[in-house]
Amino acid sequence: MPDGAACMSSHCEHKLMTKPNRHDAAENLPGAHEAPQAATPNNEHRHADAEMARVLGTTPFRMALDTSGAGIAHWKHEPLHDIVEPMTHHVIMAYNGTVQHMERRTGRQVAIGTFRPGVVIIIPEGSSSRWDIPKPVDVVQLYLPHQTLARVADEADIAAPIDLLERTAHPDPVTSRLLISAADVIDGTEALDTLFRQQLTDLLATRLLAAHTGAPSTPRPATGGLAPKTLLRAIERLRSDSDADVSLAALASDAGLSRFHFCRAFKESTGLSPHAWLRQHRLEQAMNMLRDPDTSIVSVAAELGYASQTAFAAAFKRLTGETPTDWRRRMR
């Protein structure tokens, strides 16, 4: 995913509103008509990751969650013929498999869609439907709490209703591309991964508000970067040791801004999102340490907070095209 995509500067904790969601599908069966989809979230519903594990009968290829259950998961599963029960999160999916037809039934409402790259699927919080998918599936999912959607709407000065629409194989290459690319941008360090997920979640929430609600809205434009002293404080926090809180919430709080406006202003000032800036800084640290032949690659990985030498090597190669060993050999 492009570094700039993690902030929404160039484009685009309360109960779910009970206004019915409009059903959306790529194709409707003959005679089918749109009916309201009742959302009924409550505390007894499962977190999205738990419900998906139950209904898919497997474990995710990759998953990164926070304590609320919000996060991103990459699933590869077999054909599905089951009911997805109500969940405590909105679930937004980007399909990444072979083209196939599928059926989704919500109450008396039936939709036939065509799964192909570039389409998204949205299961609003609290809704339930039966899925019949005849072939294996490769899909990346975002688990989005409604309070996050409401916060982003508030920070972006979006006053329109924020009920998400049910979507079935709905063409949206922008959302699909962002979500699919996210599954591969996991660096293996808690600070980087958390900051990346926070930025991406806010970005995708903004996109959903712009394209997938009953009254689509766009954020009011804002310009201008951070004040010099505010930017310096943010950079000092990002440069601090691996135990420091470099979450988007902490950075925004220091600046006295919302997460939405801090992210936009930081990019305006530096040309990079906070995550991209921190990733570049960590890469420069890694290169400086690798120049010392007495410093092992294992110790570099540990010093920078990577979960393993393998995770560090994979992240280093993504950014440089070389493994740490090859880079060190070439620099001698």
C-alpha atoms as a PDB file:
ATOM      1  CA  MET A   1       0.000   0.000   0.000  1.00  0.00           C
ATOM      2  CA  PRO A   2       1.422   3.456  -0.794  1.00  0.00           C
ATOM      3  CA  ASP A   3       2.786   5.225   2.270  1.00  0.00           C
ATOM      4  CA  GLY A   4       0.498   8.198   1.768  1.00  0.00           C
ATOM      5  CA  ALA A   5      -2.623   6.032   1.789  1.00  0.00           C
ATOM      6  CA  ALA A   6      -2.434   5.627   5.546  1.00  0.00           C
ATOM      7  CA  CYS A   7      -3.657   9.231   6.007  1.00  0.00           C
ATOM      8  CA  MET A   8      -6.766  10.612   4.349  1.00  0.00           C
ATOM      9  CA  SER A   9      -5.311  14.024   3.514  1.00  0.00           C
ATOM     10  CA  SER A  10      -5.521  13.743  -0.237  1.00  0.00           C
ATOM     11  CA  HIS A  11      -8.796  11.881  -0.670  1.00  0.00           C
ATOM     12  CA  CYS A  12     -10.973  10.560   0.735  1.00  0.00           C
ATOM     13  CA  GLU A  13     -18.510   4.394  22.176  1.00  0.00           C
ATOM     14  CA  HIS A  14     -22.269   4.306  21.360  1.00  0.00           C
ATOM     15  CA  LYS A  15     -24.969   1.867  20.200  1.00  0.00           C
ATOM     16  CA  LEU A  16     -25.604   1.270  16.534  1.00  0.00           C
ATOM     17  CA  MET A  17     -28.432   3.372  15.143  1.00  0.00           C
ATOM     18  CA  THR A  18     -31.460   1.212  14.501  1.00  0.00           C
ATOM     19  CA  LYS A  19     -32.494   2.800  11.230  1.00  0.00           C
ATOM     20  CA  PRO A  20     -32.843  -0.098   8.721  1.00  0.00           C
ATOM     21  CA  ASN A  21     -29.937  -0.669   6.360  1.00  0.00           C
ATOM     22  CA  ARG A  22     -30.632  -0.829   2.636  1.00  0.00           C
ATOM     23  CA  HIS A  23     -29.687  -4.125   0.996  1.00  0.00           C
ATOM     24  CA  ASP A  24     -27.204  -3.950  -1.840  1.00  0.00           C
ATOM     25  CA  ALA A  25     -26.162  -6.667  -4.291  1.00  0.00           C
ATOM     26  CA  ALA A  26     -24.386  -7.021  -7.599  1.00  0.00           C
ATOM     27  CA  GLU A  27     -27.430  -8.802  -8.963  1.00  0.00           C
ATOM     28  CA  ASN A  28     -30.901  -9.518  -7.550  1.00  0.00           C
ATOM     29  CA  LEU A  29     -32.814 -12.695  -8.190  1.00  0.00           C
ATOM     30  CA  PRO A  30     -35.873 -12.254 -10.428  1.00  0.00           C
ATOM     31  CA  GLY A  31     -38.743 -11.082  -8.290  1.00  0.00           C
ATOM     32  CA  ALA A  32     -36.515 -10.220  -5.326  1.00  0.00           C
ATOM     33  CA  HIS A  33     -37.086  -6.824  -3.750  1.00  0.00           C
ATOM     34  CA  GLU A  34     -35.114  -4.745  -1.311  1.00  0.00           C
ATOM     35  CA  ALA A  35     -36.180  -5.008   2.304  1.00  0.00           C
ATOM     36  CA  PRO A  36     -34.797  -3.331   5.395  1.00  0.00           C
ATOM     37  CA  GLN A  37     -32.049  -5.201   7.204  1.00  0.00           C
ATOM     38  CA  ALA A  38     -32.642  -5.005  10.937  1.00  0.00           C
ATOM     39  CA  ALA A  39     -29.490  -4.543  12.987  1.00  0.00           C
ATOM     40  CA  THR A  40     -29.695  -5.863  16.507  1.00  0.00           C
ATOM     41  CA  PRO A  41     -26.325  -5.495  18.242  1.00  0.00           C
ATOM     42  CA  ASN A  42     -26.063  -6.470  21.888  1.00  0.00           C
ATOM     43  CA  ASN A  43     -23.512  -7.611  24.401  1.00  0.00           C
ATOM     44  CA  GLU A  44     -24.308 -11.291  23.812  1.00  0.00           C
ATOM     45  CA  HIS A  45     -23.108 -11.233  20.223  1.00  0.00           C
ATOM     46  CA  ARG A  46     -19.661 -12.591  19.409  1.00  0.00           C
ATOM     47  CA  HIS A  47     -16.707 -10.502  18.395  1.00  0.00           C
ATOM     48  CA  ALA A  48     -16.240 -10.721  14.657  1.00  0.00           C
ATOM     49  CA  ASP A  49     -13.056 -12.787  14.830  1.00  0.00           C
ATOM     50  CA  ALA A  50     -14.757 -15.398  17.035  1.00  0.00           C
ATOM     51  CA  GLU A  51     -17.836 -15.661  14.819  1.00  0.00           C
ATOM     52  CA  MET A  52     -15.712 -15.927  11.684  1.00  0.00           C
ATOM     53  CA  ALA A  53     -13.613 -18.690  13.250  1.00  0.00           C
ATOM     54  CA  ARG A  54     -16.817 -20.545  14.134  1.00  0.00           C
ATOM     55  CA  VAL A  55     -18.523 -20.274  10.777  1.00  0.00           C
ATOM     56  CA  LEU A  56     -15.406 -20.736   8.622  1.00  0.00           C
ATOM     57  CA  GLY A  57     -14.128 -23.672  10.665  1.00  0.00           C
ATOM     58  CA  THR A  58     -10.487 -22.705  10.323  1.00  0.00           C
ATOM     59  CA  THR A  59      -7.856 -20.283  11.580  1.00  0.00           C
ATOM     60  CA  PRO A  60      -6.871 -17.077   9.776  1.00  0.00           C
ATOM     61  CA  PHE A  61      -3.844 -16.970   7.549  1.00  0.00           C
ATOM     62  CA  ARG A  62      -2.925 -13.756   9.380  1.00  0.00           C
ATOM     63  CA  MET A  63      -4.671 -11.647  12.017  1.00  0.00           C
ATOM     64  CA  ALA A  64      -3.918  -8.512  14.026  1.00  0.00           C
ATOM     65  CA  LEU A  65      -6.441  -7.353  16.630  1.00  0.00           C
ATOM     66  CA  ASP A  66      -6.601  -4.837  19.455  1.00  0.00           C
ATOM     67  CA  THR A  67      -8.258  -5.425  22.821  1.00  0.00           C
ATOM     68  CA  SER A  68     -11.687  -4.371  21.515  1.00  0.00           C
ATOM     69  CA  GLY A  69     -11.606  -7.061  18.844  1.00  0.00           C
ATOM     70  CA  ALA A  70     -11.113  -4.467  16.116  1.00  0.00           C
ATOM     71  CA  GLY A  71      -8.494  -5.290  13.531  1.00  0.00           C
ATOM     72  CA  ILE A  72      -7.614  -6.997  10.282  1.00  0.00           C
ATOM     73  CA  ALA A  73      -7.666 -10.675   9.337  1.00  0.00           C
ATOM     74  CA  HIS A  74      -6.713 -12.581   6.202  1.00  0.00           C
ATOM     75  CA  TRP A  75      -8.729 -15.766   5.715  1.00  0.00           C
ATOM     76  CA  LYS A  76      -8.403 -18.577   3.201  1.00  0.00           C
ATOM     77  CA  HIS A  77     -11.271 -21.002   3.639  1.00  0.00           C
ATOM     78  CA  GLU A  78     -13.266 -23.723   1.922  1.00  0.00           C
ATOM     79  CA  PRO A  79     -16.732 -23.313   0.346  1.00  0.00           C
ATOM     80  CA  LEU A  80     -19.266 -21.935   2.804  1.00  0.00           C
ATOM     81  CA  HIS A  81     -22.901 -22.916   3.351  1.00  0.00           C
ATOM     82  CA  ASP A  82     -23.880 -21.520   6.731  1.00  0.00           C
ATOM     83  CA  ILE A  83     -25.457 -18.637   8.638  1.00  0.00           C
ATOM     84  CA  VAL A  84     -23.258 -15.824   9.908  1.00  0.00           C
ATOM     85  CA  GLU A  85     -24.742 -14.823  13.257  1.00  0.00           C
ATOM     86  CA  PRO A  86     -24.918 -11.192  14.494  1.00  0.00           C
ATOM     87  CA  MET A  87     -21.562  -9.720  15.534  1.00  0.00           C
ATOM     88  CA  THR A  88     -20.403  -6.829  17.692  1.00  0.00           C
ATOM     89  CA  HIS A  89     -18.472  -5.227  14.813  1.00  0.00           C
ATOM     90  CA  HIS A  90     -19.100  -4.100  11.285  1.00  0.00           C
ATOM     91  CA  VAL A  91     -17.265  -6.532   8.994  1.00  0.00           C
ATOM     92  CA  ILE A  92     -15.874  -5.180   5.735  1.00  0.00           C
ATOM     93  CA  MET A  93     -14.353  -7.703   3.337  1.00  0.00           C
ATOM     94  CA  ALA A  94     -12.231  -7.417   0.213  1.00  0.00           C
ATOM     95  CA  TYR A  95     -12.367 -10.471  -2.039  1.00  0.00           C
ATOM     96  CA  ASN A  96      -9.092 -11.713  -3.494  1.00  0.00           C
ATOM     97  CA  GLY A  97      -9.924 -15.118  -5.008  1.00  0.00           C
ATOM     98  CA  THR A  98     -11.161 -16.630  -8.253  1.00  0.00           C
ATOM     99  CA  VAL A  99     -14.340 -15.308  -9.850  1.00  0.00           C
ATOM    100  CA  GLN A 100     -17.434 -17.139  -8.614  1.00  0.00           C
ATOM    101  CA  HIS A 101     -21.156 -16.639  -8.099  1.00  0.00           C
ATOM    102  CA  MET A 102     -22.602 -16.767  -4.595  1.00  0.00           C
ATOM    103  CA  GLU A 103     -25.880 -16.331  -2.737  1.00  0.00           C
ATOM    104  CA  ARG A 104     -26.658 -14.289   0.347  1.00  0.00           C
ATOM    105  CA  ARG A 105     -30.012 -14.588   2.122  1.00  0.00           C
ATOM    106  CA  THR A 106     -31.171 -12.068   4.713  1.00  0.00           C
ATOM    107  CA  GLY A 107     -34.650 -12.888   5.945  1.00  0.00           C
ATOM    108  CA  ARG A 108     -36.870 -13.139   2.837  1.00  0.00           C
ATOM    109  CA  GLN A 109     -34.367 -11.134   0.831  1.00  0.00           C
ATOM    110  CA  VAL A 110     -32.110 -13.029  -1.584  1.00  0.00           C
ATOM    111  CA  ALA A 111     -29.171 -11.673  -3.560  1.00  0.00           C
ATOM    112  CA  ILE A 112     -26.878 -13.295  -6.085  1.00  0.00           C
ATOM    113  CA  GLY A 113     -23.491 -11.661  -6.393  1.00  0.00           C
ATOM    114  CA  THR A 114     -20.309 -12.288  -8.332  1.00  0.00           C
ATOM    115  CA  PHE A 115     -17.198 -12.409  -6.209  1.00  0.00           C
ATOM    116  CA  ARG A 116     -14.197 -11.043  -8.083  1.00  0.00           C
ATOM    117  CA  PRO A 117     -11.170  -8.885  -7.216  1.00  0.00           C
ATOM    118  CA  GLY A 118     -12.190  -5.265  -6.648  1.00  0.00           C
ATOM    119  CA  VAL A 119     -15.500  -5.953  -4.884  1.00  0.00           C
ATOM    120  CA  VAL A 120     -16.305  -5.468  -1.203  1.00  0.00           C
ATOM    121  CA  ILE A 121     -18.751  -7.154   1.140  1.00  0.00           C
ATOM    122  CA  ILE A 122     -20.209  -5.376   4.191  1.00  0.00           C
ATOM    123  CA  ILE A 123     -21.968  -7.085   7.084  1.00  0.00           C
ATOM    124  CA  PRO A 124     -23.291  -4.301   9.344  1.00  0.00           C
ATOM    125  CA  GLU A 125     -22.932  -4.749  13.081  1.00  0.00           C
ATOM    126  CA  GLY A 126     -25.769  -6.859  14.503  1.00  0.00           C
ATOM    127  CA  SER A 127     -27.034  -8.222  11.177  1.00  0.00           C
ATOM    128  CA  SER A 128     -27.257 -11.891  10.173  1.00  0.00           C
ATOM    129  CA  SER A 129     -27.441 -13.707   6.843  1.00  0.00           C
ATOM    130  CA  ARG A 130     -26.961 -17.098   5.237  1.00  0.00           C
ATOM    131  CA  TRP A 131     -24.105 -17.507   2.779  1.00  0.00           C
ATOM    132  CA  ASP A 132     -23.765 -20.083   0.001  1.00  0.00           C
ATOM    133  CA  ILE A 133     -20.337 -19.847  -1.622  1.00  0.00           C
ATOM    134  CA  PRO A 134     -19.466 -22.857  -3.808  1.00  0.00           C
ATOM    135  CA  LYS A 135     -15.688 -22.438  -4.168  1.00  0.00           C
ATOM    136  CA  PRO A 136     -12.738 -21.715  -1.839  1.00  0.00           C
ATOM    137  CA  VAL A 137     -12.414 -18.112  -0.694  1.00  0.00           C
ATOM    138  CA  ASP A 138      -9.462 -15.763  -0.182  1.00  0.00           C
ATOM    139  CA  VAL A 139     -10.623 -12.652   1.669  1.00  0.00           C
ATOM    140  CA  VAL A 140      -9.228  -9.859   3.849  1.00  0.00           C
ATOM    141  CA  GLN A 141     -11.556  -8.575   6.565  1.00  0.00           C
ATOM    142  CA  LEU A 142     -11.706  -5.389   8.616  1.00  0.00           C
ATOM    143  CA  TYR A 143     -13.477  -5.617  11.995  1.00  0.00           C
ATOM    144  CA  LEU A 144     -14.734  -2.120  12.754  1.00  0.00           C
ATOM    145  CA  PRO A 145     -16.496  -1.124  15.999  1.00  0.00           C
ATOM    146  CA  HIS A 146     -19.352   1.290  15.433  1.00  0.00           C
ATOM    147  CA  GLN A 147     -17.889   3.686  17.995  1.00  0.00           C
ATOM    148  CA  THR A 148     -14.804   4.016  15.780  1.00  0.00           C
ATOM    149  CA  LEU A 149     -16.991   4.900  12.805  1.00  0.00           C
ATOM    150  CA  ALA A 150     -18.847   7.451  14.946  1.00  0.00           C
ATOM    151  CA  ARG A 151     -15.583   8.970  16.240  1.00  0.00           C
ATOM    152  CA  VAL A 152     -14.162   9.386  12.743  1.00  0.00           C
ATOM    153  CA  ALA A 153     -17.427  10.965  11.559  1.00  0.00           C
ATOM    154  CA  ASP A 154     -17.286  13.411  14.466  1.00  0.00           C
ATOM    155  CA  GLU A 155     -13.616  14.279  13.924  1.00  0.00           C
ATOM    156  CA  ALA A 156     -14.190  14.772  10.203  1.00  0.00           C
ATOM    157  CA  ASP A 157     -17.263  16.958  10.846  1.00  0.00           C
ATOM    158  CA  ILE A 158     -19.593  14.524   9.090  1.00  0.00           C
ATOM    159  CA  ALA A 159     -23.092  15.045  10.443  1.00  0.00           C
ATOM    160  CA  ALA A 160     -25.050  12.769   8.086  1.00  0.00           C
ATOM    161  CA  PRO A 161     -26.469   9.420   9.296  1.00  0.00           C
ATOM    162  CA  ILE A 162     -23.706   6.856   9.627  1.00  0.00           C
ATOM    163  CA  ASP A 163     -25.625   3.603   9.205  1.00  0.00           C
ATOM    164  CA  LEU A 164     -23.556   1.299   7.005  1.00  0.00           C
ATOM    165  CA  LEU A 165     -25.339  -0.335   4.085  1.00  0.00           C
ATOM    166  CA  GLU A 166     -25.303  -4.074   3.567  1.00  0.00           C
ATOM    167  CA  ARG A 167     -23.136  -4.750   0.527  1.00  0.00           C
ATOM    168  CA  THR A 168     -22.791  -7.969  -1.462  1.00  0.00           C
ATOM    169  CA  ALA A 169     -20.058  -8.131  -4.118  1.00  0.00           C
ATOM    170  CA  HIS A 170     -20.241  -4.342  -4.474  1.00  0.00           C
ATOM    171  CA  PRO A 171     -17.641  -2.809  -6.834  1.00  0.00           C
ATOM    172  CA  ASP A 172     -15.268  -0.582  -4.857  1.00  0.00           C
ATOM    173  CA  PRO A 173     -11.669  -0.965  -6.037  1.00  0.00           C
ATOM    174  CA  VAL A 174     -10.409   1.791  -3.707  1.00  0.00           C
ATOM    175  CA  THR A 175     -11.555   0.102  -0.499  1.00  0.00           C
ATOM    176  CA  SER A 176     -10.647  -3.331  -1.854  1.00  0.00           C
ATOM    177  CA  ARG A 177      -7.102  -2.302  -2.754  1.00  0.00           C
ATOM    178  CA  LEU A 178      -6.465  -0.655   0.609  1.00  0.00           C
ATOM    179  CA  LEU A 179      -7.743  -3.604   2.595  1.00  0.00           C
ATOM    180  CA  ILE A 180      -5.973  -6.302   0.586  1.00  0.00           C
ATOM    181  CA  SER A 181      -2.652  -4.480   0.660  1.00  0.00           C
ATOM    182  CA  ALA A 182      -2.979  -4.128   4.433  1.00  0.00           C
ATOM    183  CA  ALA A 183      -2.664  -7.877   4.921  1.00  0.00           C
ATOM    184  CA  ASP A 184       0.908  -7.751   3.618  1.00  0.00           C
ATOM    185  CA  VAL A 185       2.084  -4.644   5.484  1.00  0.00           C
ATOM    186  CA  ILE A 186       2.683  -6.170   8.885  1.00  0.00           C
ATOM    187  CA  ASP A 187       6.245  -5.393   9.965  1.00  0.00           C
ATOM    188  CA  GLY A 188       6.498  -7.611  13.018  1.00  0.00           C
ATOM    189  CA  THR A 189       6.971  -4.883  15.620  1.00  0.00           C
ATOM    190  CA  GLU A 190       4.188  -3.933  17.997  1.00  0.00           C
ATOM    191  CA  ALA A 191       4.691  -0.179  17.647  1.00  0.00           C
ATOM    192  CA  LEU A 192       4.726  -0.145  13.848  1.00  0.00           C
ATOM    193  CA  ASP A 193       1.933  -2.657  13.436  1.00  0.00           C
ATOM    194  CA  THR A 194      -0.353  -0.917  15.932  1.00  0.00           C
ATOM    195  CA  LEU A 195       0.215   2.520  14.410  1.00  0.00           C
ATOM    196  CA  PHE A 196      -0.383   1.124  10.928  1.00  0.00           C
ATOM    197  CA  ARG A 197      -3.660  -0.562  11.907  1.00  0.00           C
ATOM    198  CA  GLN A 198      -4.893   2.593  13.638  1.00  0.00           C
ATOM    199  CA  GLN A 199      -4.192   4.760  10.608  1.00  0.00           C
ATOM    200  CA  LEU A 200      -5.646   2.251   8.174  1.00  0.00           C
ATOM    201  CA  THR A 201      -8.789   1.775  10.277  1.00  0.00           C
ATOM    202  CA  ASP A 202      -9.404   5.525  10.395  1.00  0.00           C
ATOM    203  CA  LEU A 203      -8.770   5.794   6.658  1.00  0.00           C
ATOM    204  CA  LEU A 204     -11.152   2.967   5.844  1.00  0.00           C
ATOM    205  CA  ALA A 205     -13.778   4.370   8.215  1.00  0.00           C
ATOM    206  CA  THR A 206     -13.574   7.653   6.319  1.00  0.00           C
ATOM    207  CA  ARG A 207     -13.924   5.802   3.036  1.00  0.00           C
ATOM    208  CA  LEU A 208     -16.958   3.882   4.318  1.00  0.00           C
ATOM    209  CA  LEU A 209     -18.620   7.128   5.400  1.00  0.00           C
ATOM    210  CA  ALA A 210     -17.995   8.534   1.929  1.00  0.00           C
ATOM    211  CA  ALA A 211     -19.260   5.566  -0.063  1.00  0.00           C
ATOM    212  CA  HIS A 212     -21.259   3.082   1.989  1.00  0.00           C
ATOM    213  CA  THR A 213     -23.874   4.868   4.098  1.00  0.00           C
ATOM    214  CA  GLY A 214     -27.440   5.920   3.377  1.00  0.00           C
ATOM    215  CA  ALA A 215     -26.275   9.514   2.941  1.00  0.00           C
ATOM    216  CA  PRO A 216     -22.645   9.404   1.740  1.00  0.00           C
ATOM    217  CA  SER A 217     -20.531  12.319   2.965  1.00  0.00           C
ATOM    218  CA  THR A 218     -16.995  13.540   2.572  1.00  0.00           C
ATOM    219  CA  PRO A 219     -14.840  15.247   5.201  1.00  0.00           C
ATOM    220  CA  ARG A 220     -14.701  19.006   5.161  1.00  0.00           C
ATOM    221  CA  PRO A 221     -11.386  20.028   3.599  1.00  0.00           C
ATOM    222  CA  ALA A 222      -8.696  21.337   5.919  1.00  0.00           C
ATOM    223  CA  THR A 223      -5.239  22.644   5.158  1.00  0.00           C
ATOM    224  CA  GLY A 224      -2.072  23.448   7.032  1.00  0.00           C
ATOM    225  CA  GLY A 225       0.502  21.365   8.826  1.00  0.00           C
ATOM    226  CA  LEU A 226       1.574  21.132  12.443  1.00  0.00           C
ATOM    227  CA  ALA A 227       3.133  24.070  14.249  1.00  0.00           C
ATOM    228  CA  PRO A 228       6.949  23.642  14.434  1.00  0.00           C
ATOM    229  CA  LYS A 229       7.000  22.911  18.180  1.00  0.00           C
ATOM    230  CA  THR A 230       4.095  20.483  17.866  1.00  0.00           C
ATOM    231  CA  LEU A 231       5.812  18.665  15.004  1.00  0.00           C
ATOM    232  CA  LEU A 232       9.037  18.462  17.021  1.00  0.00           C
ATOM    233  CA  ARG A 233       7.197  16.883  19.963  1.00  0.00           C
ATOM    234  CA  ALA A 234       5.623  14.333  17.659  1.00  0.00           C
ATOM    235  CA  ILE A 235       8.952  13.427  16.081  1.00  0.00           C
ATOM    236  CA  GLU A 236      10.632  13.168  19.486  1.00  0.00           C
ATOM    237  CA  ARG A 237       7.944  10.708  20.573  1.00  0.00           C
ATOM    238  CA  LEU A 238       8.345   8.672  17.379  1.00  0.00           C
ATOM    239  CA  ARG A 239      12.125   8.625  17.825  1.00  0.00           C
ATOM    240  CA  SER A 240      11.970   7.481  21.445  1.00  0.00           C
ATOM    241  CA  ASP A 241      12.731   3.919  22.505  1.00  0.00           C
ATOM    242  CA  SER A 242      10.546   0.965  21.579  1.00  0.00           C
ATOM    243  CA  ASP A 243       8.667   1.062  24.904  1.00  0.00           C
ATOM    244  CA  ALA A 244       7.271   4.542  24.300  1.00  0.00           C
ATOM    245  CA  ASP A 245       3.594   4.974  23.420  1.00  0.00           C
ATOM    246  CA  VAL A 246       3.607   5.901  19.739  1.00  0.00           C
ATOM    247  CA  SER A 247      -0.053   5.155  19.179  1.00  0.00           C
ATOM    248  CA  LEU A 248      -2.029   7.549  17.028  1.00  0.00           C
ATOM    249  CA  ALA A 249      -4.078   8.493  20.093  1.00  0.00           C
ATOM    250  CA  ALA A 250      -0.951   9.469  22.071  1.00  0.00           C
ATOM    251  CA  LEU A 251       0.528  11.451  19.180  1.00  0.00           C
ATOM    252  CA  ALA A 252      -2.747  13.292  18.570  1.00  0.00           C
ATOM    253  CA  SER A 253      -3.234  14.021  22.265  1.00  0.00           C
ATOM    254  CA  ASP A 254       0.232  15.597  22.501  1.00  0.00           C
ATOM    255  CA  ALA A 255      -0.685  17.835  19.590  1.00  0.00           C
ATOM    256  CA  GLY A 256      -4.098  18.726  21.007  1.00  0.00           C
ATOM    257  CA  LEU A 257      -5.798  17.412  17.873  1.00  0.00           C
ATOM    258  CA  SER A 258      -8.141  14.593  16.920  1.00  0.00           C
ATOM    259  CA  ARG A 259      -6.571  11.508  15.370  1.00  0.00           C
ATOM    260  CA  PHE A 260      -8.092  12.418  11.997  1.00  0.00           C
ATOM    261  CA  HIS A 261      -6.694  15.953  11.930  1.00  0.00           C
ATOM    262  CA  PHE A 262      -3.324  15.029  13.433  1.00  0.00           C
ATOM    263  CA  CYS A 263      -2.720  12.412  10.758  1.00  0.00           C
ATOM    264  CA  ARG A 264      -3.598  14.850   7.988  1.00  0.00           C
ATOM    265  CA  ALA A 265      -1.486  17.688   9.442  1.00  0.00           C
ATOM    266  CA  PHE A 266       1.543  15.448  10.118  1.00  0.00           C
ATOM    267  CA  LYS A 267       1.556  14.337   6.500  1.00  0.00           C
ATOM    268  CA  GLU A 268       1.172  17.933   5.357  1.00  0.00           C
ATOM    269  CA  SER A 269       4.292  18.833   7.365  1.00  0.00           C
ATOM    270  CA  THR A 270       6.505  15.842   6.582  1.00  0.00           C
ATOM    271  CA  GLY A 271       5.181  14.333   3.370  1.00  0.00           C
ATOM    272  CA  LEU A 272       4.704  11.019   5.178  1.00  0.00           C
ATOM    273  CA  SER A 273       2.053   9.479   7.372  1.00  0.00           C
ATOM    274  CA  PRO A 274       3.139   8.867  11.000  1.00  0.00           C
ATOM    275  CA  HIS A 275       3.465   5.132  10.258  1.00  0.00           C
ATOM    276  CA  ALA A 276       5.541   5.717   7.126  1.00  0.00           C
ATOM    277  CA  TRP A 277       7.778   8.182   9.011  1.00  0.00           C
ATOM    278  CA  LEU A 278       8.369   5.729  11.851  1.00  0.00           C
ATOM    279  CA  ARG A 279       9.008   2.868   9.429  1.00  0.00           C
ATOM    280  CA  GLN A 280      11.620   4.964   7.593  1.00  0.00           C
ATOM    281  CA  HIS A 281      13.237   5.955  10.896  1.00  0.00           C
ATOM    282  CA  ARG A 282      13.458   2.310  12.010  1.00  0.00           C
ATOM    283  CA  LEU A 283      15.001   1.381   8.661  1.00  0.00           C
ATOM    284  CA  GLU A 284      17.695   4.038   9.104  1.00  0.00           C
ATOM    285  CA  GLN A 285      18.377   2.736  12.619  1.00  0.00           C
ATOM    286  CA  ALA A 286      18.684  -0.798  11.276  1.00  0.00           C
ATOM    287  CA  MET A 287      21.139   0.266   8.569  1.00  0.00           C
ATOM    288  CA  ASN A 288      23.309   2.120  11.072  1.00  0.00           C
ATOM    289  CA  MET A 289      23.486  -0.934  13.316  1.00  0.00           C
ATOM    290  CA  LEU A 290      24.138  -3.312  10.429  1.00  0.00           C
ATOM    291  CA  ARG A 291      27.173  -1.279   9.428  1.00  0.00           C
ATOM    292  CA  ASP A 292      28.881  -2.534  12.600  1.00  0.00           C
ATOM    293  CA  PRO A 293      30.189  -6.032  11.698  1.00  0.00           C
ATOM    294  CA  ASP A 294      30.239  -7.037  15.365  1.00  0.00           C
ATOM    295  CA  THR A 295      26.481  -6.501  15.742  1.00  0.00           C
ATOM    296  CA  SER A 296      24.459  -9.598  14.942  1.00  0.00           C
ATOM    297  CA  ILE A 297      21.278  -9.444  12.902  1.00  0.00           C
ATOM    298  CA  VAL A 298      19.451 -11.122  15.788  1.00  0.00           C
ATOM    299  CA  SER A 299      20.461  -8.296  18.119  1.00  0.00           C
ATOM    300  CA  VAL A 300      19.408  -5.651  15.583  1.00  0.00           C
ATOM    301  CA  ALA A 301      15.976  -7.270  15.318  1.00  0.00           C
ATOM    302  CA  ALA A 302      15.634  -7.419  19.111  1.00  0.00           C
ATOM    303  CA  GLU A 303      16.828  -3.837  19.598  1.00  0.00           C
ATOM    304  CA  LEU A 304      14.229  -2.543  17.150  1.00  0.00           C
ATOM    305  CA  GLY A 305      11.426  -4.529  18.762  1.00  0.00           C
ATOM    306  CA  TYR A 306      10.841  -7.162  16.092  1.00  0.00           C
ATOM    307  CA  ALA A 307       9.207 -10.393  17.187  1.00  0.00           C
ATOM    308  CA  SER A 308      11.898 -12.446  15.447  1.00  0.00           C
ATOM    309  CA  GLN A 309      14.867 -12.244  13.121  1.00  0.00           C
ATOM    310  CA  THR A 310      12.615 -13.609  10.362  1.00  0.00           C
ATOM    311  CA  ALA A 311      10.091 -10.786  10.832  1.00  0.00           C
ATOM    312  CA  PHE A 312      12.881  -8.199  10.757  1.00  0.00           C
ATOM    313  CA  ALA A 313      14.425  -9.704   7.617  1.00  0.00           C
ATOM    314  CA  ALA A 314      11.056  -9.751   5.828  1.00  0.00           C
ATOM    315  CA  ALA A 315      10.333  -6.115   6.727  1.00  0.00           C
ATOM    316  CA  PHE A 316      13.852  -5.021   5.733  1.00  0.00           C
ATOM    317  CA  LYS A 317      13.584  -6.761   2.361  1.00  0.00           C
ATOM    318  CA  ARG A 318      10.174  -5.198   1.653  1.00  0.00           C
ATOM    319  CA  LEU A 319      11.683  -1.747   2.035  1.00  0.00           C
ATOM    320  CA  THR A 320      15.111  -2.264   0.438  1.00  0.00           C
ATOM    321  CA  GLY A 321      14.743  -5.252  -1.872  1.00  0.00           C
ATOM    322  CA  GLU A 322      17.571  -7.008  -0.026  1.00  0.00           C
ATOM    323  CA  THR A 323      17.889  -9.166   3.064  1.00  0.00           C
ATOM    324  CA  PRO A 324      19.876  -7.667   5.969  1.00  0.00           C
ATOM    325  CA  THR A 325      22.685 -10.151   5.251  1.00  0.00           C
ATOM    326  CA  ASP A 326      22.892  -9.214   1.555  1.00  0.00           C
ATOM    327  CA  TRP A 327      22.720  -5.496   2.346  1.00  0.00           C
ATOM    328  CA  ARG A 328      25.508  -5.789   4.920  1.00  0.00           C
ATOM    329  CA  ARG A 329      27.664  -7.782   2.510  1.00  0.00           C
ATOM    330  CA  ARG A 330      27.185  -5.181  -0.229  1.00  0.00           C
ATOM    331  CA  MET A 331      28.040  -2.299   2.100  1.00  0.00           C
ATOM    332  CA  ARG A 332      31.373  -3.736   3.175  1.00  0.00           C
END
